[in-house]
């Protein structure tokens, strides 16, 4: 297994576990949030999916975008499964793009997000995409605990 395969495996494992958590949230609790400043459950799910789309474009651009027109903004959120179905083509495009990179690209290509405080290698950036999602999945697990909702087992 090479580095690209490992990155793809990691992206898919993180998403598989996220979906377990996301789909375990009762429909009537998707608007729940721990305090008035926090994102709701559905806002956090949307944030993760939309961020992956943004990161894909930033990787293609080799840096932050000067303008971002999100297709997610025009799409109402109704259920987790509908949100996942909407995001699926964007996810597939992202994974296909990752497959096209070479081992050398992971260190040779840099992504300039100095507006966000960093310039990183492509390999680092791809790992950050998965890390971002996993952090928010952990936050949602904490939301479920705080709301008294049973938590699905993610460590299978």
Protein backbone atom coordinates (compact mmCIF):
# COMPACT_ATOMS: atom_id res chain seq x y z
CA UNK A 1 0.00 0.00 0.00
CA UNK A 2 1.46 3.36 -1.01
CA UNK A 3 0.89 6.78 0.56
CA UNK A 4 -1.97 7.71 -1.77
CA UNK A 5 -3.74 4.45 -0.91
CA UNK A 6 -3.27 5.16 2.81
CA UNK A 7 -4.64 8.69 2.47
CA UNK A 8 -7.68 7.36 0.58
CA UNK A 9 -8.16 4.66 3.20
CA UNK A 10 -8.02 7.28 5.95
CA UNK A 11 -10.49 9.59 4.16
CA UNK A 12 -12.90 6.70 3.66
CA UNK A 13 -12.58 5.40 7.22
CA UNK A 14 -13.19 8.82 8.70
CA UNK A 15 -16.24 9.28 6.47
CA UNK A 16 -17.60 5.81 7.27
CA UNK A 17 -17.45 6.57 10.98
CA UNK A 18 -18.86 10.07 10.50
CA UNK A 19 -21.83 8.63 8.63
CA UNK A 20 -22.44 6.23 11.52
CA UNK A 21 -22.65 9.18 13.88
CA UNK A 22 -24.57 11.49 11.54
CA UNK A 23 -27.24 8.93 10.71
CA UNK A 24 -27.69 8.03 14.38
CA UNK A 25 -28.91 11.53 15.22
CA UNK A 26 -32.71 11.53 15.49
CA UNK A 27 -34.32 13.81 12.91
CA UNK A 28 -35.93 15.87 15.66
CA UNK A 29 -32.50 16.51 17.24
CA UNK A 30 -30.71 17.77 14.10
CA UNK A 31 -31.43 21.38 15.15
CA UNK A 32 -30.04 20.80 18.67
CA UNK A 33 -26.95 22.70 19.83
CA UNK A 34 -25.30 22.93 23.24
CA UNK A 35 -25.45 26.73 23.43
CA UNK A 36 -26.57 29.72 21.40
CA UNK A 37 -23.12 30.28 19.86
CA UNK A 38 -22.57 26.69 18.68
CA UNK A 39 -23.49 25.10 15.37
CA UNK A 40 -26.51 22.80 15.34
CA UNK A 41 -25.98 19.14 14.50
CA UNK A 42 -27.14 19.68 10.93
CA UNK A 43 -25.03 22.83 10.56
CA UNK A 44 -21.97 20.86 11.63
CA UNK A 45 -22.69 18.06 9.16
CA UNK A 46 -23.19 20.64 6.41
CA UNK A 47 -19.98 22.40 7.48
CA UNK A 48 -17.96 19.19 7.13
CA UNK A 49 -19.35 18.35 3.69
CA UNK A 50 -19.06 21.90 2.40
CA UNK A 51 -15.53 22.24 3.80
CA UNK A 52 -14.40 19.12 1.95
CA UNK A 53 -15.71 20.68 -1.26
CA UNK A 54 -13.84 23.90 -0.45
CA UNK A 55 -10.64 22.01 0.39
CA UNK A 56 -10.86 20.14 -2.92
CA UNK A 57 -11.06 23.46 -4.80
CA UNK A 58 -8.24 24.93 -2.70
CA UNK A 59 -6.06 21.93 -3.51
CA UNK A 60 -6.81 22.34 -7.22
CA UNK A 61 -6.04 26.06 -6.88
CA UNK A 62 -2.88 25.29 -4.85
CA UNK A 63 -4.15 27.74 -2.26
CA UNK A 64 -7.10 29.54 -0.73
CA UNK A 65 -9.82 30.77 -3.03
CA UNK A 66 -10.41 34.49 -3.52
CA UNK A 67 -14.12 33.75 -4.07
CA UNK A 68 -16.13 30.68 -3.10
CA UNK A 69 -19.53 29.94 -4.59
CA UNK A 70 -20.84 27.01 -2.60
CA UNK A 71 -23.48 24.74 -4.13
CA UNK A 72 -24.40 23.78 -0.55
CA UNK A 73 -25.72 27.27 0.20
CA UNK A 74 -28.47 26.82 -2.38
CA UNK A 75 -29.44 23.37 -1.11
CA UNK A 76 -31.88 23.13 1.82
CA UNK A 77 -30.94 20.59 4.48
CA UNK A 78 -33.79 18.19 5.23
CA UNK A 79 -32.33 14.80 6.22
CA UNK A 80 -28.83 13.45 6.70
CA UNK A 81 -29.32 10.90 3.91
CA UNK A 82 -30.48 13.59 1.48
CA UNK A 83 -27.50 15.74 2.45
CA UNK A 84 -25.15 12.81 1.84
CA UNK A 85 -26.76 12.09 -1.52
CA UNK A 86 -26.35 15.74 -2.53
CA UNK A 87 -22.69 15.74 -1.45
CA UNK A 88 -21.86 12.37 -3.06
CA UNK A 89 -20.81 13.66 -6.50
CA UNK A 90 -18.53 16.26 -4.89
CA UNK A 91 -17.04 13.57 -2.65
CA UNK A 92 -16.46 11.27 -5.62
CA UNK A 93 -14.74 14.07 -7.57
CA UNK A 94 -12.50 14.76 -4.59
CA UNK A 95 -11.52 11.11 -4.17
CA UNK A 96 -10.86 10.77 -7.91
CA UNK A 97 -8.62 13.83 -7.77
CA UNK A 98 -6.66 12.32 -4.86
CA UNK A 99 -6.16 9.12 -6.89
CA UNK A 100 -4.51 11.14 -9.67
CA UNK A 101 -1.71 12.43 -7.46
CA UNK A 102 1.64 10.69 -7.36
CA UNK A 103 3.76 9.89 -4.34
CA UNK A 104 6.08 12.73 -5.32
CA UNK A 105 3.16 15.17 -5.54
CA UNK A 106 2.50 14.70 -1.83
CA UNK A 107 5.72 16.54 -0.96
CA UNK A 108 6.34 18.54 -4.15
CA UNK A 109 3.00 20.37 -4.33
CA UNK A 110 2.35 23.08 -1.76
CA UNK A 111 -1.01 24.53 -0.80
CA UNK A 112 -0.79 28.19 0.19
CA UNK A 113 -3.38 29.02 2.81
CA UNK A 114 -1.29 31.76 4.37
CA UNK A 115 -4.52 33.76 4.78
CA UNK A 116 -5.49 31.01 7.26
CA UNK A 117 -2.02 30.88 8.75
CA UNK A 118 -0.29 28.06 6.91
CA UNK A 119 1.40 26.79 3.77
CA UNK A 120 1.58 23.00 3.70
CA UNK A 121 2.47 20.16 1.42
CA UNK A 122 -0.30 18.38 -0.45
CA UNK A 123 0.13 15.30 1.76
CA UNK A 124 -0.28 17.39 4.89
CA UNK A 125 -3.33 19.13 3.42
CA UNK A 126 -5.04 15.85 2.53
CA UNK A 127 -4.52 14.60 6.08
CA UNK A 128 -5.93 17.90 7.39
CA UNK A 129 -9.13 17.32 5.42
CA UNK A 130 -9.70 14.01 7.22
CA UNK A 131 -8.62 15.47 10.56
CA UNK A 132 -11.08 18.35 10.20
CA UNK A 133 -13.92 15.90 9.68
CA UNK A 134 -12.86 13.65 12.54
CA UNK A 135 -12.69 16.58 14.97
CA UNK A 136 -16.25 17.60 14.11
CA UNK A 137 -17.45 14.01 14.39
CA UNK A 138 -15.99 13.95 17.89
CA UNK A 139 -17.79 17.20 18.65
CA UNK A 140 -21.06 15.64 17.51
CA UNK A 141 -20.48 12.67 19.80
CA UNK A 142 -20.14 15.17 22.65
CA UNK A 143 -23.33 16.89 21.49
CA UNK A 144 -25.15 13.55 21.66
CA UNK A 145 -23.83 12.92 25.17
CA UNK A 146 -24.88 16.41 26.30
CA UNK A 147 -28.34 16.01 24.76
CA UNK A 148 -28.83 12.62 26.40
CA UNK A 149 -28.99 10.83 23.04
CA UNK A 150 -27.47 7.33 22.86
CA UNK A 151 -24.17 7.33 21.00
CA UNK A 152 -23.41 4.88 18.24
CA UNK A 153 -20.26 2.79 18.56
CA UNK A 154 -17.66 4.18 16.17
CA UNK A 155 -14.79 1.93 17.29
CA UNK A 156 -15.73 -1.23 15.46
